[in-house]
Amino acid sequence: MSTIAAIELHRLSLPLPVPYKVSNLVFRSFDPIVVAVRDRNGAQGWAETVVGPGYTDETDEEAWAFCREWAGRLLQQDTEHAKACLARHLERHSHAASVMISAIEMAEGNRYLQRREPARVPLLVPLQQQDEDGLGREVERLLAQGYATFKVKIGFDVGADLRRVGWIQQAVRGRARLRLDANQAYTVEQARAFLAELAPTDIELLEQPCDKHDWAANARVAADAPVPIMLDESIYTLADVERAAGLAGVAFVKVKINKLGGVQRLGDGLLHIGRSGLRPVLGNGVATDISCWMEAAVASHTIDTTGEMNGWLKLPESLLRNPVRVEQGAMCLPAGYWPVVDTRVLESYALESLAFAPASVAAGPVSTGPA
């Protein structure tokens, strides 16, 4: 246990070289809130969250206001007390409370973040092309890079979705698995119409067919689906996991560090999901390499499913001075790896930055390794 000496908050806007299209919107930038926590011994932890529309009931402004309020309140508090205070707000402010908890946990050197031996975490990659020829070339390029699982966004139009998935299946020909993601966009009738015509070849799962709050709709789709269903946006707590485990046809649940409540809750939760009979999937396609590293580190200790922590690969540049390498479709975590945030890059994309420290606390040394 240690005492919090200083907290920094940053709001960034990171323009995407290629817009990222999902069923309900197009991301042209990722706009994360970045939190840095330093304790009195100089150990520093970082975390970030993107509060995206549809992914949470929070708004970006609400999350920023929460972080501003609590950054001042947590100064000179011990880290265990600080985390307990923040955890009480996870239900209403899952992203904002989680990002602050995660930064504290990194400063503490949480065991799930540490690697004594090297690890490889396989990643999926999204298919972005829309026409048949473009998809064929994209599939071949990504297979050559070592990727073996592709994310396919659906939920736009049932006929167009089926046509595009068919082109992808013809291009893949058994060489990769496909995760289809509707991002809550279908009604029950649309989802059933899509599944009725879908050839299950190479399909690993269909993700979140209906609105996250409409458990009955998702259950109706899952009950007679020809492929396994994964719930994502519906899952915030372990109680949600238990509810999903009781639904016929739901075989997977996906979680993210910024919904489940930080590093420790994420790692423990993934182990719990495995014991529940469901298969856990982890990762965020709308995140920077700070969160993606955290999720990969936790995954390396807890699960064996292909990760979705690929958001940072969409960014114009890394936020880290020592970026994680990707080789043959996997994140490579060396033994002892600990990320160092590049403050120059941070400052170049910052919209607003705030620093919180009591006047009596002098700026101390900043540690770049685990506590």
Protein backbone atom coordinates (compact mmCIF):
# COMPACT_ATOMS: atom_id res chain seq x y z
CA MET A 1 0.00 0.00 0.00
CA SER A 2 1.25 3.48 -0.83
CA THR A 3 0.03 7.08 -0.78
CA ILE A 4 -1.08 9.08 -3.83
CA ALA A 5 1.10 12.16 -4.28
CA ALA A 6 0.00 13.52 -7.67
CA ILE A 7 -2.49 12.91 -10.47
CA GLU A 8 -2.48 14.15 -14.06
CA LEU A 9 -5.47 14.17 -16.41
CA HIS A 10 -5.25 14.58 -20.17
CA ARG A 11 -7.92 14.74 -22.88
CA LEU A 12 -6.57 13.79 -26.28
CA SER A 13 -7.87 13.72 -29.83
CA LEU A 14 -6.05 11.18 -32.00
CA PRO A 15 -7.10 11.42 -35.69
CA LEU A 16 -7.37 8.04 -37.37
CA PRO A 17 -5.51 7.64 -40.68
CA VAL A 18 -8.38 5.36 -41.79
CA PRO A 19 -11.89 5.98 -40.37
CA TYR A 20 -13.19 3.07 -38.29
CA LYS A 21 -16.77 2.19 -39.23
CA VAL A 22 -19.11 0.32 -36.91
CA SER A 23 -22.84 -0.21 -37.32
CA ASN A 24 -24.00 2.90 -35.47
CA LEU A 25 -21.23 5.44 -36.19
CA VAL A 26 -17.89 6.15 -37.84
CA PHE A 27 -14.87 6.95 -35.67
CA ARG A 28 -12.66 9.57 -37.31
CA SER A 29 -10.64 10.02 -34.15
CA PHE A 30 -10.17 8.34 -30.79
CA ASP A 31 -10.60 10.85 -27.97
CA PRO A 32 -9.27 9.22 -24.81
CA ILE A 33 -9.06 10.44 -21.25
CA VAL A 34 -5.56 9.60 -19.99
CA VAL A 35 -4.85 9.38 -16.25
CA ALA A 36 -1.43 9.32 -14.57
CA VAL A 37 -1.03 8.59 -10.85
CA ARG A 38 2.23 8.99 -8.93
CA ASP A 39 2.80 7.82 -5.37
CA ARG A 40 5.14 9.25 -2.77
CA ASN A 41 7.86 6.75 -3.70
CA GLY A 42 7.87 7.96 -7.32
CA ALA A 43 6.10 4.94 -8.83
CA GLN A 44 3.83 6.06 -11.65
CA GLY A 45 0.88 4.40 -13.32
CA TRP A 46 -1.01 5.29 -16.48
CA ALA A 47 -4.40 4.31 -17.85
CA GLU A 48 -6.81 5.57 -20.51
CA THR A 49 -10.35 5.18 -21.70
CA VAL A 50 -12.33 6.21 -24.76
CA VAL A 51 -15.94 6.94 -23.84
CA GLY A 52 -17.56 6.02 -27.14
CA PRO A 53 -21.25 6.51 -27.99
CA GLY A 54 -23.15 3.23 -27.68
CA TYR A 55 -20.37 1.51 -25.74
CA THR A 56 -21.45 3.01 -22.41
CA ASP A 57 -24.25 5.10 -20.95
CA GLU A 58 -21.65 7.63 -19.76
CA THR A 59 -20.78 10.64 -21.85
CA ASP A 60 -17.28 11.95 -22.40
CA GLU A 61 -18.12 15.12 -20.48
CA GLU A 62 -19.50 13.16 -17.53
CA ALA A 63 -16.39 10.98 -17.41
CA TRP A 64 -14.07 13.99 -17.56
CA ALA A 65 -16.01 15.74 -14.77
CA PHE A 66 -15.82 12.60 -12.62
CA CYS A 67 -12.06 12.30 -13.12
CA ARG A 68 -11.55 15.98 -12.32
CA GLU A 69 -13.56 15.73 -9.11
CA TRP A 70 -11.86 12.58 -7.87
CA ALA A 71 -8.34 13.59 -8.86
CA GLY A 72 -8.52 16.31 -6.24
CA ARG A 73 -10.20 14.13 -3.62
CA LEU A 74 -7.73 11.23 -3.85
CA LEU A 75 -4.56 13.20 -3.17
CA GLN A 76 -2.70 11.98 -0.06
CA GLN A 77 -5.04 8.98 0.22
CA ASP A 78 -3.64 5.48 0.47
CA THR A 79 -4.14 3.50 -2.71
CA GLU A 80 -6.37 0.80 -1.22
CA HIS A 81 -8.76 3.39 0.19
CA ALA A 82 -8.72 5.30 -3.11
CA LYS A 83 -9.62 2.19 -5.12
CA ALA A 84 -12.42 1.30 -2.72
CA CYS A 85 -13.89 4.80 -3.00
CA LEU A 86 -13.79 4.70 -6.80
CA ALA A 87 -15.26 1.18 -6.97
CA ARG A 88 -18.46 2.41 -5.36
CA HIS A 89 -19.10 4.46 -8.51
CA LEU A 90 -18.53 1.72 -11.11
CA GLU A 91 -22.23 1.17 -11.79
CA ARG A 92 -22.84 4.77 -12.91
CA HIS A 93 -19.34 5.72 -14.06
CA SER A 94 -17.79 2.46 -15.24
CA HIS A 95 -15.27 3.98 -17.65
CA ALA A 96 -14.26 6.95 -15.49
CA ALA A 97 -13.91 4.97 -12.27
CA SER A 98 -12.15 2.10 -14.05
CA VAL A 99 -9.52 4.30 -15.68
CA MET A 100 -8.57 5.86 -12.36
CA ILE A 101 -8.46 2.48 -10.61
CA SER A 102 -6.28 1.05 -13.41
CA ALA A 103 -3.77 3.91 -13.16
CA ILE A 104 -3.47 3.32 -9.41
CA GLU A 105 -3.01 -0.42 -9.99
CA MET A 106 -0.20 0.17 -12.48
CA ALA A 107 1.54 2.44 -9.96
CA GLU A 108 1.19 -0.38 -7.43
CA GLY A 109 2.74 -2.87 -9.88
CA ASN A 110 -0.32 -5.15 -10.02
CA ARG A 111 0.69 -8.78 -10.50
CA TYR A 112 -1.50 -9.26 -13.59
CA LEU A 113 0.56 -6.60 -15.40
CA GLN A 114 3.93 -8.22 -14.75
CA ARG A 115 5.61 -10.83 -16.94
CA ARG A 116 8.48 -12.94 -15.63
CA GLU A 117 8.58 -14.85 -18.91
CA PRO A 118 7.84 -13.65 -22.45
CA ALA A 119 4.31 -14.11 -23.77
CA ARG A 120 2.48 -13.89 -27.08
CA VAL A 121 -1.16 -12.81 -27.22
CA PRO A 122 -2.82 -13.53 -30.58
CA LEU A 123 -4.91 -10.68 -31.99
CA LEU A 124 -7.80 -10.48 -34.38
CA VAL A 125 -7.85 -7.77 -36.99
CA PRO A 126 -10.85 -5.99 -38.57
CA LEU A 127 -11.62 -6.30 -42.27
CA GLN A 128 -12.27 -2.80 -43.60
CA GLN A 129 -12.72 -3.18 -47.35
CA GLN A 130 -16.25 -3.18 -48.76
CA ASP A 131 -15.99 -4.63 -52.27
CA GLU A 132 -15.23 -8.22 -53.24
CA ASP A 133 -11.85 -7.58 -54.89
CA GLY A 134 -10.68 -5.31 -52.10
CA LEU A 135 -11.67 -7.85 -49.47
CA GLY A 136 -9.81 -10.59 -51.30
CA ARG A 137 -6.61 -8.56 -51.32
CA GLU A 138 -7.07 -7.52 -47.69
CA VAL A 139 -7.58 -11.12 -46.56
CA GLU A 140 -4.41 -12.29 -48.33
CA ARG A 141 -2.37 -9.43 -46.90
CA LEU A 142 -3.52 -10.07 -43.34
CA LEU A 143 -3.06 -13.83 -43.60
CA ALA A 144 0.51 -13.19 -44.76
CA GLN A 145 1.02 -11.06 -41.62
CA GLY A 146 0.04 -14.01 -39.44
CA TYR A 147 -3.51 -13.10 -38.45
CA ALA A 148 -5.88 -16.04 -38.07
CA THR A 149 -9.07 -14.36 -36.77
CA PHE A 150 -10.91 -11.53 -38.54
CA LYS A 151 -13.54 -9.14 -37.18
CA VAL A 152 -16.38 -8.43 -39.61
CA LYS A 153 -18.73 -5.57 -38.78
CA ILE A 154 -22.37 -6.18 -39.71
CA GLY A 155 -25.65 -4.55 -38.69
CA PHE A 156 -25.97 -2.18 -41.65
CA ASP A 157 -28.39 -3.95 -43.99
CA VAL A 158 -29.19 -7.66 -43.83
CA GLY A 159 -28.78 -8.29 -47.55
CA ALA A 160 -25.59 -6.26 -47.85
CA ASP A 161 -24.20 -7.87 -44.69
CA LEU A 162 -24.83 -11.37 -46.06
CA ARG A 163 -23.26 -10.50 -49.39
CA ARG A 164 -20.10 -9.08 -47.79
CA VAL A 165 -19.75 -12.01 -45.36
CA GLY A 166 -20.09 -14.38 -48.30
CA TRP A 167 -17.27 -12.66 -50.17
CA ILE A 168 -15.10 -12.91 -47.07
CA GLN A 169 -15.86 -16.61 -46.63
CA GLN A 170 -14.89 -17.25 -50.25
CA ALA A 171 -11.62 -15.38 -49.73
CA VAL A 172 -10.78 -17.07 -46.43
CA ARG A 173 -11.51 -20.68 -47.50
CA GLY A 174 -10.88 -22.22 -44.09
CA ARG A 175 -7.67 -20.32 -43.33
CA ALA A 176 -9.08 -18.05 -40.61
CA ARG A 177 -12.00 -17.71 -38.22
CA LEU A 178 -14.57 -14.93 -38.50
CA ARG A 179 -16.16 -13.00 -35.66
CA LEU A 180 -19.25 -11.17 -36.87
CA ASP A 181 -20.15 -8.09 -34.82
CA ALA A 182 -23.55 -6.43 -35.11
CA ASN A 183 -22.85 -3.82 -32.41
CA GLN A 184 -26.49 -4.03 -31.18
CA ALA A 185 -27.84 -2.89 -34.55
CA TYR A 186 -30.31 -5.66 -35.41
CA THR A 187 -33.87 -6.17 -34.31
CA VAL A 188 -34.82 -9.75 -33.49
CA GLU A 189 -36.42 -10.10 -36.91
CA GLN A 190 -33.36 -8.75 -38.72
CA ALA A 191 -30.98 -10.95 -36.75
CA ARG A 192 -33.07 -14.04 -37.46
CA ALA A 193 -33.30 -13.15 -41.15
CA PHE A 194 -29.52 -12.76 -41.28
CA LEU A 195 -28.87 -16.04 -39.47
CA ALA A 196 -31.40 -17.93 -41.59
CA GLU A 197 -29.34 -17.21 -44.71
CA LEU A 198 -25.88 -17.34 -43.13
CA ALA A 199 -23.59 -20.21 -44.07
CA PRO A 200 -21.76 -21.09 -40.82
CA THR A 201 -18.49 -21.89 -42.60
CA ASP A 202 -15.52 -20.40 -40.71
CA ILE A 203 -17.83 -18.41 -38.40
CA GLU A 204 -16.58 -18.51 -34.81
CA LEU A 205 -19.39 -16.40 -33.35
CA LEU A 206 -21.90 -13.58 -33.80
CA GLU A 207 -21.43 -10.72 -31.37
CA GLN A 208 -24.15 -8.64 -29.69
CA PRO A 209 -26.99 -8.90 -32.23
CA CYS A 210 -29.48 -6.65 -30.38
CA ASP A 211 -29.60 -3.66 -28.02
CA LYS A 212 -27.50 -4.15 -24.88
CA HIS A 213 -30.44 -3.46 -22.56
CA ASP A 214 -32.80 -5.85 -24.36
CA TRP A 215 -31.77 -9.17 -22.86
CA ALA A 216 -34.99 -10.80 -24.05
CA ALA A 217 -34.24 -9.92 -27.68
CA ASN A 218 -30.69 -11.24 -27.49
CA ALA A 219 -31.96 -14.41 -25.81
CA ARG A 220 -34.52 -15.00 -28.56
CA VAL A 221 -31.85 -14.66 -31.24
CA ALA A 222 -29.39 -16.89 -29.40
CA ALA A 223 -31.91 -19.65 -28.71
CA ASP A 224 -32.04 -20.88 -32.30
CA ALA A 225 -28.90 -19.36 -33.81
CA PRO A 226 -26.81 -21.71 -36.00
CA VAL A 227 -23.58 -20.14 -34.69
CA PRO A 228 -22.52 -19.29 -31.12
CA ILE A 229 -23.55 -15.90 -29.76
CA MET A 230 -21.24 -13.57 -27.81
CA LEU A 231 -22.53 -10.74 -25.64
CA ASP A 232 -20.35 -7.64 -25.31
CA GLU A 233 -22.11 -4.34 -24.72
CA SER A 234 -24.53 -6.11 -22.34
CA ILE A 235 -21.71 -7.21 -20.03
CA TYR A 236 -20.59 -4.83 -17.28
CA THR A 237 -20.54 -6.93 -14.11
CA LEU A 238 -20.11 -10.52 -13.01
CA ALA A 239 -23.86 -10.56 -12.41
CA ASP A 240 -24.27 -9.91 -16.14
CA VAL A 241 -21.92 -12.83 -16.82
CA GLU A 242 -24.09 -15.13 -14.69
CA ARG A 243 -27.18 -13.94 -16.54
CA ALA A 244 -25.52 -14.63 -19.89
CA ALA A 245 -24.47 -18.10 -18.74
CA GLY A 246 -28.13 -18.97 -18.31
CA LEU A 247 -29.05 -18.17 -21.93
CA ALA A 248 -29.18 -21.02 -24.44
CA GLY A 249 -26.95 -20.31 -27.41
CA VAL A 250 -24.71 -17.76 -25.66
CA ALA A 251 -21.25 -19.33 -25.57
CA PHE A 252 -18.95 -16.31 -25.23
CA VAL A 253 -18.86 -13.04 -23.33
CA LYS A 254 -16.51 -10.16 -24.06
CA VAL A 255 -15.16 -7.84 -21.41
CA LYS A 256 -12.98 -4.74 -21.36
CA ILE A 257 -10.81 -3.28 -18.63
CA ASN A 258 -12.77 -0.04 -18.67
CA LYS A 259 -16.09 -1.73 -18.01
CA LEU A 260 -15.18 -4.35 -15.43
CA GLY A 261 -13.39 -2.05 -13.00
CA GLY A 262 -9.65 -2.12 -13.52
CA VAL A 263 -6.81 -4.62 -13.66
CA GLN A 264 -7.50 -6.82 -10.63
CA ARG A 265 -11.23 -7.10 -11.24
CA LEU A 266 -10.55 -7.85 -14.90
CA GLY A 267 -8.12 -10.68 -14.20
CA ASP A 268 -10.27 -12.21 -11.47
CA GLY A 269 -13.36 -11.77 -13.64
CA LEU A 270 -11.82 -13.59 -16.61
CA LEU A 271 -11.02 -16.57 -14.40
CA HIS A 272 -14.58 -16.49 -13.05
CA ILE A 273 -16.04 -16.41 -16.56
CA GLY A 274 -14.05 -19.51 -17.48
CA ARG A 275 -15.45 -21.34 -14.46
CA SER A 276 -19.00 -20.31 -15.41
CA GLY A 277 -18.94 -22.43 -18.56
CA LEU A 278 -18.65 -19.48 -20.93
CA ARG A 279 -15.58 -18.62 -23.00
CA PRO A 280 -14.13 -15.20 -22.16
CA VAL A 281 -12.94 -12.83 -24.87
CA LEU A 282 -11.01 -9.70 -23.97
CA GLY A 283 -10.12 -6.54 -25.80
CA ASN A 284 -11.09 -3.14 -27.10
CA GLY A 285 -10.93 -1.98 -30.69
CA VAL A 286 -11.40 1.64 -29.57
CA ALA A 287 -8.41 2.22 -27.28
CA THR A 288 -4.78 3.30 -27.23
CA ASP A 289 -1.76 1.12 -26.55
CA ILE A 290 -1.91 1.89 -22.82
CA SER A 291 -5.19 -0.01 -22.35
CA CYS A 292 -4.32 -2.55 -25.02
CA TRP A 293 -1.07 -3.44 -23.22
CA MET A 294 -2.92 -3.75 -19.91
CA GLU A 295 -5.51 -6.08 -21.44
CA ALA A 296 -2.87 -8.17 -23.21
CA ALA A 297 -0.86 -8.50 -20.00
CA VAL A 298 -3.93 -9.68 -18.09
CA ALA A 299 -4.91 -12.02 -20.93
CA SER A 300 -1.46 -13.62 -20.89
CA HIS A 301 -2.15 -14.84 -17.33
CA THR A 302 -5.79 -15.84 -17.65
CA ILE A 303 -7.20 -16.86 -21.07
CA ASP A 304 -6.31 -18.47 -24.39
CA THR A 305 -8.86 -16.92 -26.75
CA THR A 306 -7.75 -14.53 -29.50
CA GLY A 307 -7.64 -10.99 -28.15
CA GLU A 308 -9.44 -7.93 -29.50
CA MET A 309 -7.10 -5.33 -27.93
CA ASN A 310 -6.18 -3.87 -31.32
CA GLY A 311 -7.42 -0.27 -31.09
CA TRP A 312 -3.89 1.14 -30.88
CA LEU A 313 -3.05 -0.30 -34.30
CA LYS A 314 -5.53 2.19 -35.81
CA LEU A 315 -3.71 5.23 -34.35
CA PRO A 316 -1.38 7.64 -36.17
CA GLU A 317 1.44 6.83 -33.71
CA SER A 318 2.10 5.05 -30.44
CA LEU A 319 1.68 6.80 -27.10
CA LEU A 320 4.65 4.79 -25.79
CA ARG A 321 8.39 5.32 -26.06
CA ASN A 322 8.79 1.52 -26.05
CA PRO A 323 5.79 0.25 -28.06
CA VAL A 324 4.66 -3.35 -27.89
CA ARG A 325 5.72 -5.29 -30.98
CA VAL A 326 3.28 -7.25 -33.12
CA GLU A 327 4.74 -10.27 -34.90
CA GLN A 328 2.83 -12.88 -36.89
CA GLY A 329 -0.51 -11.57 -35.68
CA ALA A 330 0.34 -11.54 -31.97
CA MET A 331 1.33 -8.96 -29.37
CA CYS A 332 4.77 -9.84 -28.02
CA LEU A 333 5.29 -9.14 -24.32
CA PRO A 334 8.95 -9.57 -23.29
CA ALA A 335 9.82 -10.69 -19.78
CA GLY A 336 9.88 -7.65 -17.52
CA TYR A 337 8.23 -5.36 -20.08
CA TRP A 338 6.85 -2.13 -18.61
CA PRO A 339 5.54 0.65 -20.88
CA VAL A 340 6.93 4.19 -20.78
CA VAL A 341 4.49 6.87 -21.95
CA ASP A 342 5.91 9.32 -24.47
CA THR A 343 4.91 12.66 -22.97
CA ARG A 344 5.96 14.45 -26.16
CA VAL A 345 3.32 12.54 -28.14
CA LEU A 346 0.81 13.03 -25.35
CA GLU A 347 1.29 16.79 -25.40
CA SER A 348 1.07 17.00 -29.19
CA TYR A 349 -2.47 15.53 -29.20
CA ALA A 350 -3.73 17.07 -25.94
CA LEU A 351 -6.90 19.17 -25.91
CA GLU A 352 -6.66 19.81 -22.18
CA SER A 353 -4.30 18.76 -19.38
CA LEU A 354 -4.65 19.19 -15.63
CA ALA A 355 -2.23 18.45 -12.79
CA PHE A 356 -3.25 17.82 -9.19
CA ALA A 357 -0.77 17.85 -6.30
CA PRO A 358 -0.90 19.30 -2.79
CA ALA A 359 1.30 22.34 -2.36
CA SER A 360 3.23 20.56 0.39
CA VAL A 361 4.27 17.69 -1.89
CA ALA A 362 7.41 18.35 -3.91
CA ALA A 363 7.77 16.78 -7.36
CA GLY A 364 9.62 13.53 -6.82
CA PRO A 365 11.35 11.08 -9.10
CA VAL A 366 9.20 9.13 -11.55
CA SER A 367 9.74 5.38 -11.70
CA THR A 368 9.41 3.63 -15.07
CA GLY A 369 9.29 0.12 -13.64
CA PRO A 370 6.83 -1.87 -11.52
CA ALA A 371 6.68 -1.15 -7.81
